Each structure stands twice: as structure tokens, then as C-alpha cells.
PDB file of N, CA and C in Angstrom:
ATOM      1  N   MET A   1      -5.665 -24.310  -4.285  1.00  0.00           N
ATOM      2  CA  MET A   1      -4.772 -23.266  -3.954  1.00  0.00           C
ATOM      3  C   MET A   1      -5.557 -22.121  -3.248  1.00  0.00           C
ATOM      4  N   GLU A   2      -5.253 -21.653  -2.375  1.00  0.00           N
ATOM      5  CA  GLU A   2      -5.921 -20.434  -1.523  1.00  0.00           C
ATOM      6  C   GLU A   2      -5.660 -19.203  -2.196  1.00  0.00           C
ATOM      7  N   PRO A   3      -6.792 -18.550  -2.425  1.00  0.00           N
ATOM      8  CA  PRO A   3      -6.699 -17.137  -3.137  1.00  0.00           C
ATOM      9  C   PRO A   3      -5.921 -16.282  -2.213  1.00  0.00           C
ATOM     10  N   ARG A   4      -5.111 -15.334  -2.856  1.00  0.00           N
ATOM     11  CA  ARG A   4      -4.365 -14.409  -1.987  1.00  0.00           C
ATOM     12  C   ARG A   4      -5.300 -13.257  -1.697  1.00  0.00           C
ATOM     13  N   LYS A   5      -4.877 -12.699  -0.640  1.00  0.00           N
ATOM     14  CA  LYS A   5      -5.682 -11.469  -0.158  1.00  0.00           C
ATOM     15  C   LYS A   5      -4.752 -10.378   0.175  1.00  0.00           C
ATOM     16  N   LEU A   6      -5.244  -9.064  -0.033  1.00  0.00           N
ATOM     17  CA  LEU A   6      -4.558  -7.680   0.187  1.00  0.00           C
ATOM     18  C   LEU A   6      -4.670  -7.456   1.517  1.00  0.00           C
ATOM     19  N   TYR A   7      -3.504  -7.236   2.323  1.00  0.00           N
ATOM     20  CA  TYR A   7      -3.352  -6.892   3.777  1.00  0.00           C
ATOM     21  C   TYR A   7      -2.376  -5.758   3.757  1.00  0.00           C
ATOM     22  N   ARG A   8      -2.577  -4.777   4.920  1.00  0.00           N
ATOM     23  CA  ARG A   8      -1.465  -3.801   5.253  1.00  0.00           C
ATOM     24  C   ARG A   8      -0.477  -4.719   6.066  1.00  0.00           C
ATOM     25  N   LEU A   9       0.713  -4.447   5.899  1.00  0.00           N
ATOM     26  CA  LEU A   9       1.803  -5.168   6.511  1.00  0.00           C
ATOM     27  C   LEU A   9       2.422  -4.336   7.649  1.00  0.00           C
ATOM     28  N   GLU A  10       2.783  -4.878   8.870  1.00  0.00           N
ATOM     29  CA  GLU A  10       3.405  -4.185   9.907  1.00  0.00           C
ATOM     30  C   GLU A  10       4.898  -4.151   9.555  1.00  0.00           C
ATOM     31  N   GLU A  11       5.483  -5.336   9.078  1.00  0.00           N
ATOM     32  CA  GLU A  11       6.977  -5.443   8.709  1.00  0.00           C
ATOM     33  C   GLU A  11       7.057  -4.616   7.580  1.00  0.00           C
ATOM     34  N   GLY A  12       8.176  -3.684   7.639  1.00  0.00           N
ATOM     35  CA  GLY A  12       8.676  -2.935   6.513  1.00  0.00           C
ATOM     36  C   GLY A  12       7.711  -1.776   6.162  1.00  0.00           C
ATOM     37  N   LYS A  13       6.766  -1.395   7.086  1.00  0.00           N
ATOM     38  CA  LYS A  13       5.956  -0.134   6.801  1.00  0.00           C
ATOM     39  C   LYS A  13       6.764   1.036   7.224  1.00  0.00           C
ATOM     40  N   MET A  14       6.246   2.153   6.579  1.00  0.00           N
ATOM     41  CA  MET A  14       6.703   3.544   6.944  1.00  0.00           C
ATOM     42  C   MET A  14       5.619   4.469   7.553  1.00  0.00           C
ATOM     43  N   LEU A  15       4.332   4.219   7.140  1.00  0.00           N
ATOM     44  CA  LEU A  15       3.241   5.038   7.664  1.00  0.00           C
ATOM     45  C   LEU A  15       2.419   3.885   8.162  1.00  0.00           C
ATOM     46  N   CYS A  16       1.516   3.501   7.341  1.00  0.00           N
ATOM     47  CA  CYS A  16       0.420   2.451   7.616  1.00  0.00           C
ATOM     48  C   CYS A  16       0.550   1.210   7.062  1.00  0.00           C
ATOM     49  N   GLY A  17       1.427   0.859   6.334  1.00  0.00           N
ATOM     50  CA  GLY A  17       1.743  -0.398   5.612  1.00  0.00           C
ATOM     51  C   GLY A  17       1.001  -0.767   4.434  1.00  0.00           C
ATOM     52  N   VAL A  18       0.360   0.357   3.832  1.00  0.00           N
ATOM     53  CA  VAL A  18      -0.337  -0.054   2.713  1.00  0.00           C
ATOM     54  C   VAL A  18       0.621  -0.238   1.454  1.00  0.00           C
ATOM     55  N   CYS A  19       1.654   0.450   1.356  1.00  0.00           N
ATOM     56  CA  CYS A  19       2.453   0.245   0.238  1.00  0.00           C
ATOM     57  C   CYS A  19       3.172  -1.008   0.330  1.00  0.00           C
ATOM     58  N   ALA A  20       3.663  -1.409   1.557  1.00  0.00           N
ATOM     59  CA  ALA A  20       4.280  -2.775   1.884  1.00  0.00           C
ATOM     60  C   ALA A  20       3.250  -3.852   1.526  1.00  0.00           C
ATOM     61  N   GLY A  21       2.178  -3.668   1.873  1.00  0.00           N
ATOM     62  CA  GLY A  21       1.144  -4.711   1.580  1.00  0.00           C
ATOM     63  C   GLY A  21       0.905  -4.816   0.148  1.00  0.00           C
ATOM     64  N   LEU A  22       0.740  -3.928  -0.514  1.00  0.00           N
ATOM     65  CA  LEU A  22       0.560  -3.790  -2.090  1.00  0.00           C
ATOM     66  C   LEU A  22       1.656  -4.354  -2.844  1.00  0.00           C
ATOM     67  N   ALA A  23       2.941  -4.157  -2.295  1.00  0.00           N
ATOM     68  CA  ALA A  23       4.126  -4.575  -2.910  1.00  0.00           C
ATOM     69  C   ALA A  23       4.212  -6.053  -2.781  1.00  0.00           C
ATOM     70  N   ASP A  24       3.674  -6.483  -1.660  1.00  0.00           N
ATOM     71  CA  ASP A  24       3.907  -7.866  -1.244  1.00  0.00           C
ATOM     72  C   ASP A  24       2.787  -8.802  -2.149  1.00  0.00           C
ATOM     73  N   TYR A  25       1.631  -8.024  -2.225  1.00  0.00           N
ATOM     74  CA  TYR A  25       0.689  -8.725  -3.076  1.00  0.00           C
ATOM     75  C   TYR A  25       0.945  -8.884  -4.524  1.00  0.00           C
ATOM     76  N   LEU A  26       1.530  -7.787  -4.999  1.00  0.00           N
ATOM     77  CA  LEU A  26       1.930  -7.710  -6.564  1.00  0.00           C
ATOM     78  C   LEU A  26       3.288  -8.348  -6.740  1.00  0.00           C
ATOM     79  N   ASN A  27       3.975  -8.750  -5.703  1.00  0.00           N
ATOM     80  CA  ASN A  27       5.290  -9.227  -5.627  1.00  0.00           C
ATOM     81  C   ASN A  27       6.273  -8.342  -6.437  1.00  0.00           C
ATOM     82  N   LEU A  28       6.350  -7.110  -6.052  1.00  0.00           N
ATOM     83  CA  LEU A  28       7.171  -5.982  -6.454  1.00  0.00           C
ATOM     84  C   LEU A  28       7.899  -5.438  -5.327  1.00  0.00           C
ATOM     85  N   ASP A  29       9.065  -4.735  -5.780  1.00  0.00           N
ATOM     86  CA  ASP A  29       9.763  -4.017  -4.688  1.00  0.00           C
ATOM     87  C   ASP A  29       8.987  -2.945  -3.974  1.00  0.00           C
ATOM     88  N   VAL A  30       9.023  -2.788  -2.741  1.00  0.00           N
ATOM     89  CA  VAL A  30       8.225  -1.734  -1.959  1.00  0.00           C
ATOM     90  C   VAL A  30       8.603  -0.425  -2.412  1.00  0.00           C
ATOM     91  N   THR A  31       9.858   0.021  -2.807  1.00  0.00           N
ATOM     92  CA  THR A  31      10.280   1.235  -3.328  1.00  0.00           C
ATOM     93  C   THR A  31       9.691   1.663  -4.522  1.00  0.00           C
ATOM     94  N   VAL A  32       9.396   0.798  -5.409  1.00  0.00           N
ATOM     95  CA  VAL A  32       8.723   1.113  -6.620  1.00  0.00           C
ATOM     96  C   VAL A  32       7.130   1.567  -6.343  1.00  0.00           C
ATOM     97  N   ILE A  33       6.588   0.919  -5.456  1.00  0.00           N
ATOM     98  CA  ILE A  33       5.137   1.158  -5.108  1.00  0.00           C
ATOM     99  C   ILE A  33       5.042   2.444  -4.220  1.00  0.00           C
ATOM    100  N   ARG A  34       6.113   2.760  -3.497  1.00  0.00           N
ATOM    101  CA  ARG A  34       6.152   4.136  -2.750  1.00  0.00           C
ATOM    102  C   ARG A  34       6.407   5.215  -3.669  1.00  0.00           C
ATOM    103  N   LEU A  35       7.257   4.902  -4.725  1.00  0.00           N
ATOM    104  CA  LEU A  35       7.536   6.094  -5.864  1.00  0.00           C
ATOM    105  C   LEU A  35       6.268   6.276  -6.530  1.00  0.00           C
ATOM    106  N   LEU A  36       5.438   5.235  -6.833  1.00  0.00           N
ATOM    107  CA  LEU A  36       4.380   5.364  -7.694  1.00  0.00           C
ATOM    108  C   LEU A  36       3.254   6.162  -6.877  1.00  0.00           C
ATOM    109  N   ALA A  37       3.298   5.971  -5.364  1.00  0.00           N
ATOM    110  CA  ALA A  37       2.211   6.649  -4.675  1.00  0.00           C
ATOM    111  C   ALA A  37       2.609   8.012  -4.606  1.00  0.00           C
ATOM    112  N   VAL A  38       3.880   8.376  -4.431  1.00  0.00           N
ATOM    113  CA  VAL A  38       4.250   9.781  -4.282  1.00  0.00           C
ATOM    114  C   VAL A  38       3.897  10.489  -5.603  1.00  0.00           C
ATOM    115  N   LEU A  39       4.364   9.886  -6.893  1.00  0.00           N
ATOM    116  CA  LEU A  39       3.934  10.461  -8.054  1.00  0.00           C
ATOM    117  C   LEU A  39       2.536  10.732  -8.219  1.00  0.00           C
ATOM    118  N   ALA A  40       1.674   9.707  -7.687  1.00  0.00           N
ATOM    119  CA  ALA A  40       0.216   9.853  -7.943  1.00  0.00           C
ATOM    120  C   ALA A  40      -0.250  11.077  -7.145  1.00  0.00           C
ATOM    121  N   THR A  41       0.395  11.212  -5.917  1.00  0.00           N
ATOM    122  CA  THR A  41      -0.093  12.376  -5.124  1.00  0.00           C
ATOM    123  C   THR A  41       0.389  13.690  -5.744  1.00  0.00           C
ATOM    124  N   LEU A  42       1.597  13.812  -6.173  1.00  0.00           N
ATOM    125  CA  LEU A  42       1.936  15.118  -6.568  1.00  0.00           C
ATOM    126  C   LEU A  42       1.415  15.441  -8.048  1.00  0.00           C
ATOM    127  N   CYS A  43       1.191  14.599  -8.794  1.00  0.00           N
ATOM    128  CA  CYS A  43       0.801  14.580 -10.179  1.00  0.00           C
ATOM    129  C   CYS A  43      -0.629  14.962 -10.383  1.00  0.00           C
ATOM    130  N   SER A  44      -1.422  14.459  -9.427  1.00  0.00           N
ATOM    131  CA  SER A  44      -2.849  14.389  -9.618  1.00  0.00           C
ATOM    132  C   SER A  44      -3.592  15.267  -8.570  1.00  0.00           C
ATOM    133  N   SER A  45      -3.058  16.237  -8.230  1.00  0.00           N
ATOM    134  CA  SER A  45      -3.641  17.202  -7.220  1.00  0.00           C
ATOM    135  C   SER A  45      -4.031  16.526  -5.782  1.00  0.00           C
ATOM    136  N   GLY A  46      -3.252  15.562  -5.411  1.00  0.00           N
ATOM    137  CA  GLY A  46      -3.501  14.991  -4.174  1.00  0.00           C
ATOM    138  C   GLY A  46      -4.442  13.742  -4.098  1.00  0.00           C
ATOM    139  N   ILE A  47      -4.918  13.255  -5.239  1.00  0.00           N
ATOM    140  CA  ILE A  47      -5.730  12.181  -5.300  1.00  0.00           C
ATOM    141  C   ILE A  47      -5.128  10.911  -4.815  1.00  0.00           C
ATOM    142  N   GLY A  48      -3.813  10.803  -4.898  1.00  0.00           N
ATOM    143  CA  GLY A  48      -3.102   9.649  -4.373  1.00  0.00           C
ATOM    144  C   GLY A  48      -3.131   9.530  -2.956  1.00  0.00           C
ATOM    145  N   LEU A  49      -3.053  10.813  -2.247  1.00  0.00           N
ATOM    146  CA  LEU A  49      -3.173  10.891  -0.783  1.00  0.00           C
ATOM    147  C   LEU A  49      -4.457  10.280  -0.347  1.00  0.00           C
ATOM    148  N   ILE A  50      -5.429  10.729  -1.012  1.00  0.00           N
ATOM    149  CA  ILE A  50      -6.912  10.103  -0.774  1.00  0.00           C
ATOM    150  C   ILE A  50      -7.000   8.805  -0.908  1.00  0.00           C
ATOM    151  N   PHE A  51      -6.388   8.262  -1.965  1.00  0.00           N
ATOM    152  CA  PHE A  51      -6.475   6.685  -2.221  1.00  0.00           C
ATOM    153  C   PHE A  51      -5.730   6.026  -1.005  1.00  0.00           C
ATOM    154  N   TYR A  52      -4.637   6.535  -0.599  1.00  0.00           N
ATOM    155  CA  TYR A  52      -3.745   6.071   0.427  1.00  0.00           C
ATOM    156  C   TYR A  52      -4.549   6.027   1.764  1.00  0.00           C
ATOM    157  N   ILE A  53      -5.155   7.066   2.161  1.00  0.00           N
ATOM    158  CA  ILE A  53      -5.899   7.175   3.334  1.00  0.00           C
ATOM    159  C   ILE A  53      -7.161   6.133   3.186  1.00  0.00           C
ATOM    160  N   ALA A  54      -7.693   6.162   2.227  1.00  0.00           N
ATOM    161  CA  ALA A  54      -8.951   5.255   2.100  1.00  0.00           C
ATOM    162  C   ALA A  54      -8.371   3.734   2.110  1.00  0.00           C
ATOM    163  N   ALA A  55      -7.220   3.383   1.484  1.00  0.00           N
ATOM    164  CA  ALA A  55      -6.658   2.036   1.637  1.00  0.00           C
ATOM    165  C   ALA A  55      -6.282   1.726   3.058  1.00  0.00           C
ATOM    166  N   ALA A  56      -5.665   2.708   3.714  1.00  0.00           N
ATOM    167  CA  ALA A  56      -5.320   2.462   5.009  1.00  0.00           C
ATOM    168  C   ALA A  56      -6.415   2.129   5.954  1.00  0.00           C
ATOM    169  N   ILE A  57      -7.734   2.732   5.765  1.00  0.00           N
ATOM    170  CA  ILE A  57      -8.916   2.378   6.452  1.00  0.00           C
ATOM    171  C   ILE A  57      -9.455   1.341   6.099  1.00  0.00           C
ATOM    172  N   ILE A  58      -9.500   0.791   4.799  1.00  0.00           N
ATOM    173  CA  ILE A  58     -10.248  -0.327   4.446  1.00  0.00           C
ATOM    174  C   ILE A  58      -9.563  -1.618   4.498  1.00  0.00           C
ATOM    175  N   MET A  59      -8.273  -1.593   4.055  1.00  0.00           N
ATOM    176  CA  MET A  59      -7.455  -2.770   4.192  1.00  0.00           C
ATOM    177  C   MET A  59      -7.181  -3.308   5.502  1.00  0.00           C
ATOM    178  N   PRO A  60      -7.456  -4.667   5.901  1.00  0.00           N
ATOM    179  CA  PRO A  60      -7.262  -5.156   7.052  1.00  0.00           C
ATOM    180  C   PRO A  60      -5.753  -5.354   7.349  1.00  0.00           C
ATOM    181  N   LEU A  61      -5.263  -5.310   8.701  1.00  0.00           N
ATOM    182  CA  LEU A  61      -3.881  -5.458   9.039  1.00  0.00           C
ATOM    183  C   LEU A  61      -3.713  -6.992   9.167  1.00  0.00           C
ATOM    184  N   LYS A  62      -2.731  -7.500   8.608  1.00  0.00           N
ATOM    185  CA  LYS A  62      -2.284  -8.935   8.567  1.00  0.00           C
ATOM    186  C   LYS A  62      -1.689  -9.117   9.860  1.00  0.00           C
ATOM    187  N   GLN A  63      -2.542 -10.205  10.597  1.00  0.00           N
ATOM    188  CA  GLN A  63      -1.931 -10.847  11.673  1.00  0.00           C
ATOM    189  C   GLN A  63      -0.924 -11.873  11.614  1.00  0.00           C
ATOM    190  N   VAL A  64       0.220 -11.676  12.204  1.00  0.00           N
ATOM    191  CA  VAL A  64       1.162 -12.654  12.188  1.00  0.00           C
ATOM    192  C   VAL A  64       1.159 -13.634  13.221  1.00  0.00           C
TER     193      VAL A  64
END
């Protein structure tokens, strides 16, 4: 069995595809991941936004 990898996704993305890729990797609905990202940004003085930007830079884009 091939190990799963975490990618940003073009399909279903709103900004950079980080939440769509994370939802695909965790097999969750993308709306749940997006809500958690917004809550992390609002409740933690913006640290969620910093993590999102870092993930957008670090995570490779999945080539279809």
C-alpha cells in the first residue's frame, strides 16, 4: 500500500487549496476544515492565518 501524501488541491479550492487538501487527506468535509481554520484565526490572535500561509508555501500542489 502506497503511503498517503498531503497536497494542496486545485479542485474545490477557495484560496490556495490548503483546506481542500487537508480535508481530502483526513477524509473530512472541506467545510469543517474551513470552519476550524477560521476559528483558529479568530480565537488565537491570527496564528491560524500564519499556519495557513506557511502550509500554502510548504505543501506541494497536486499534479492531476
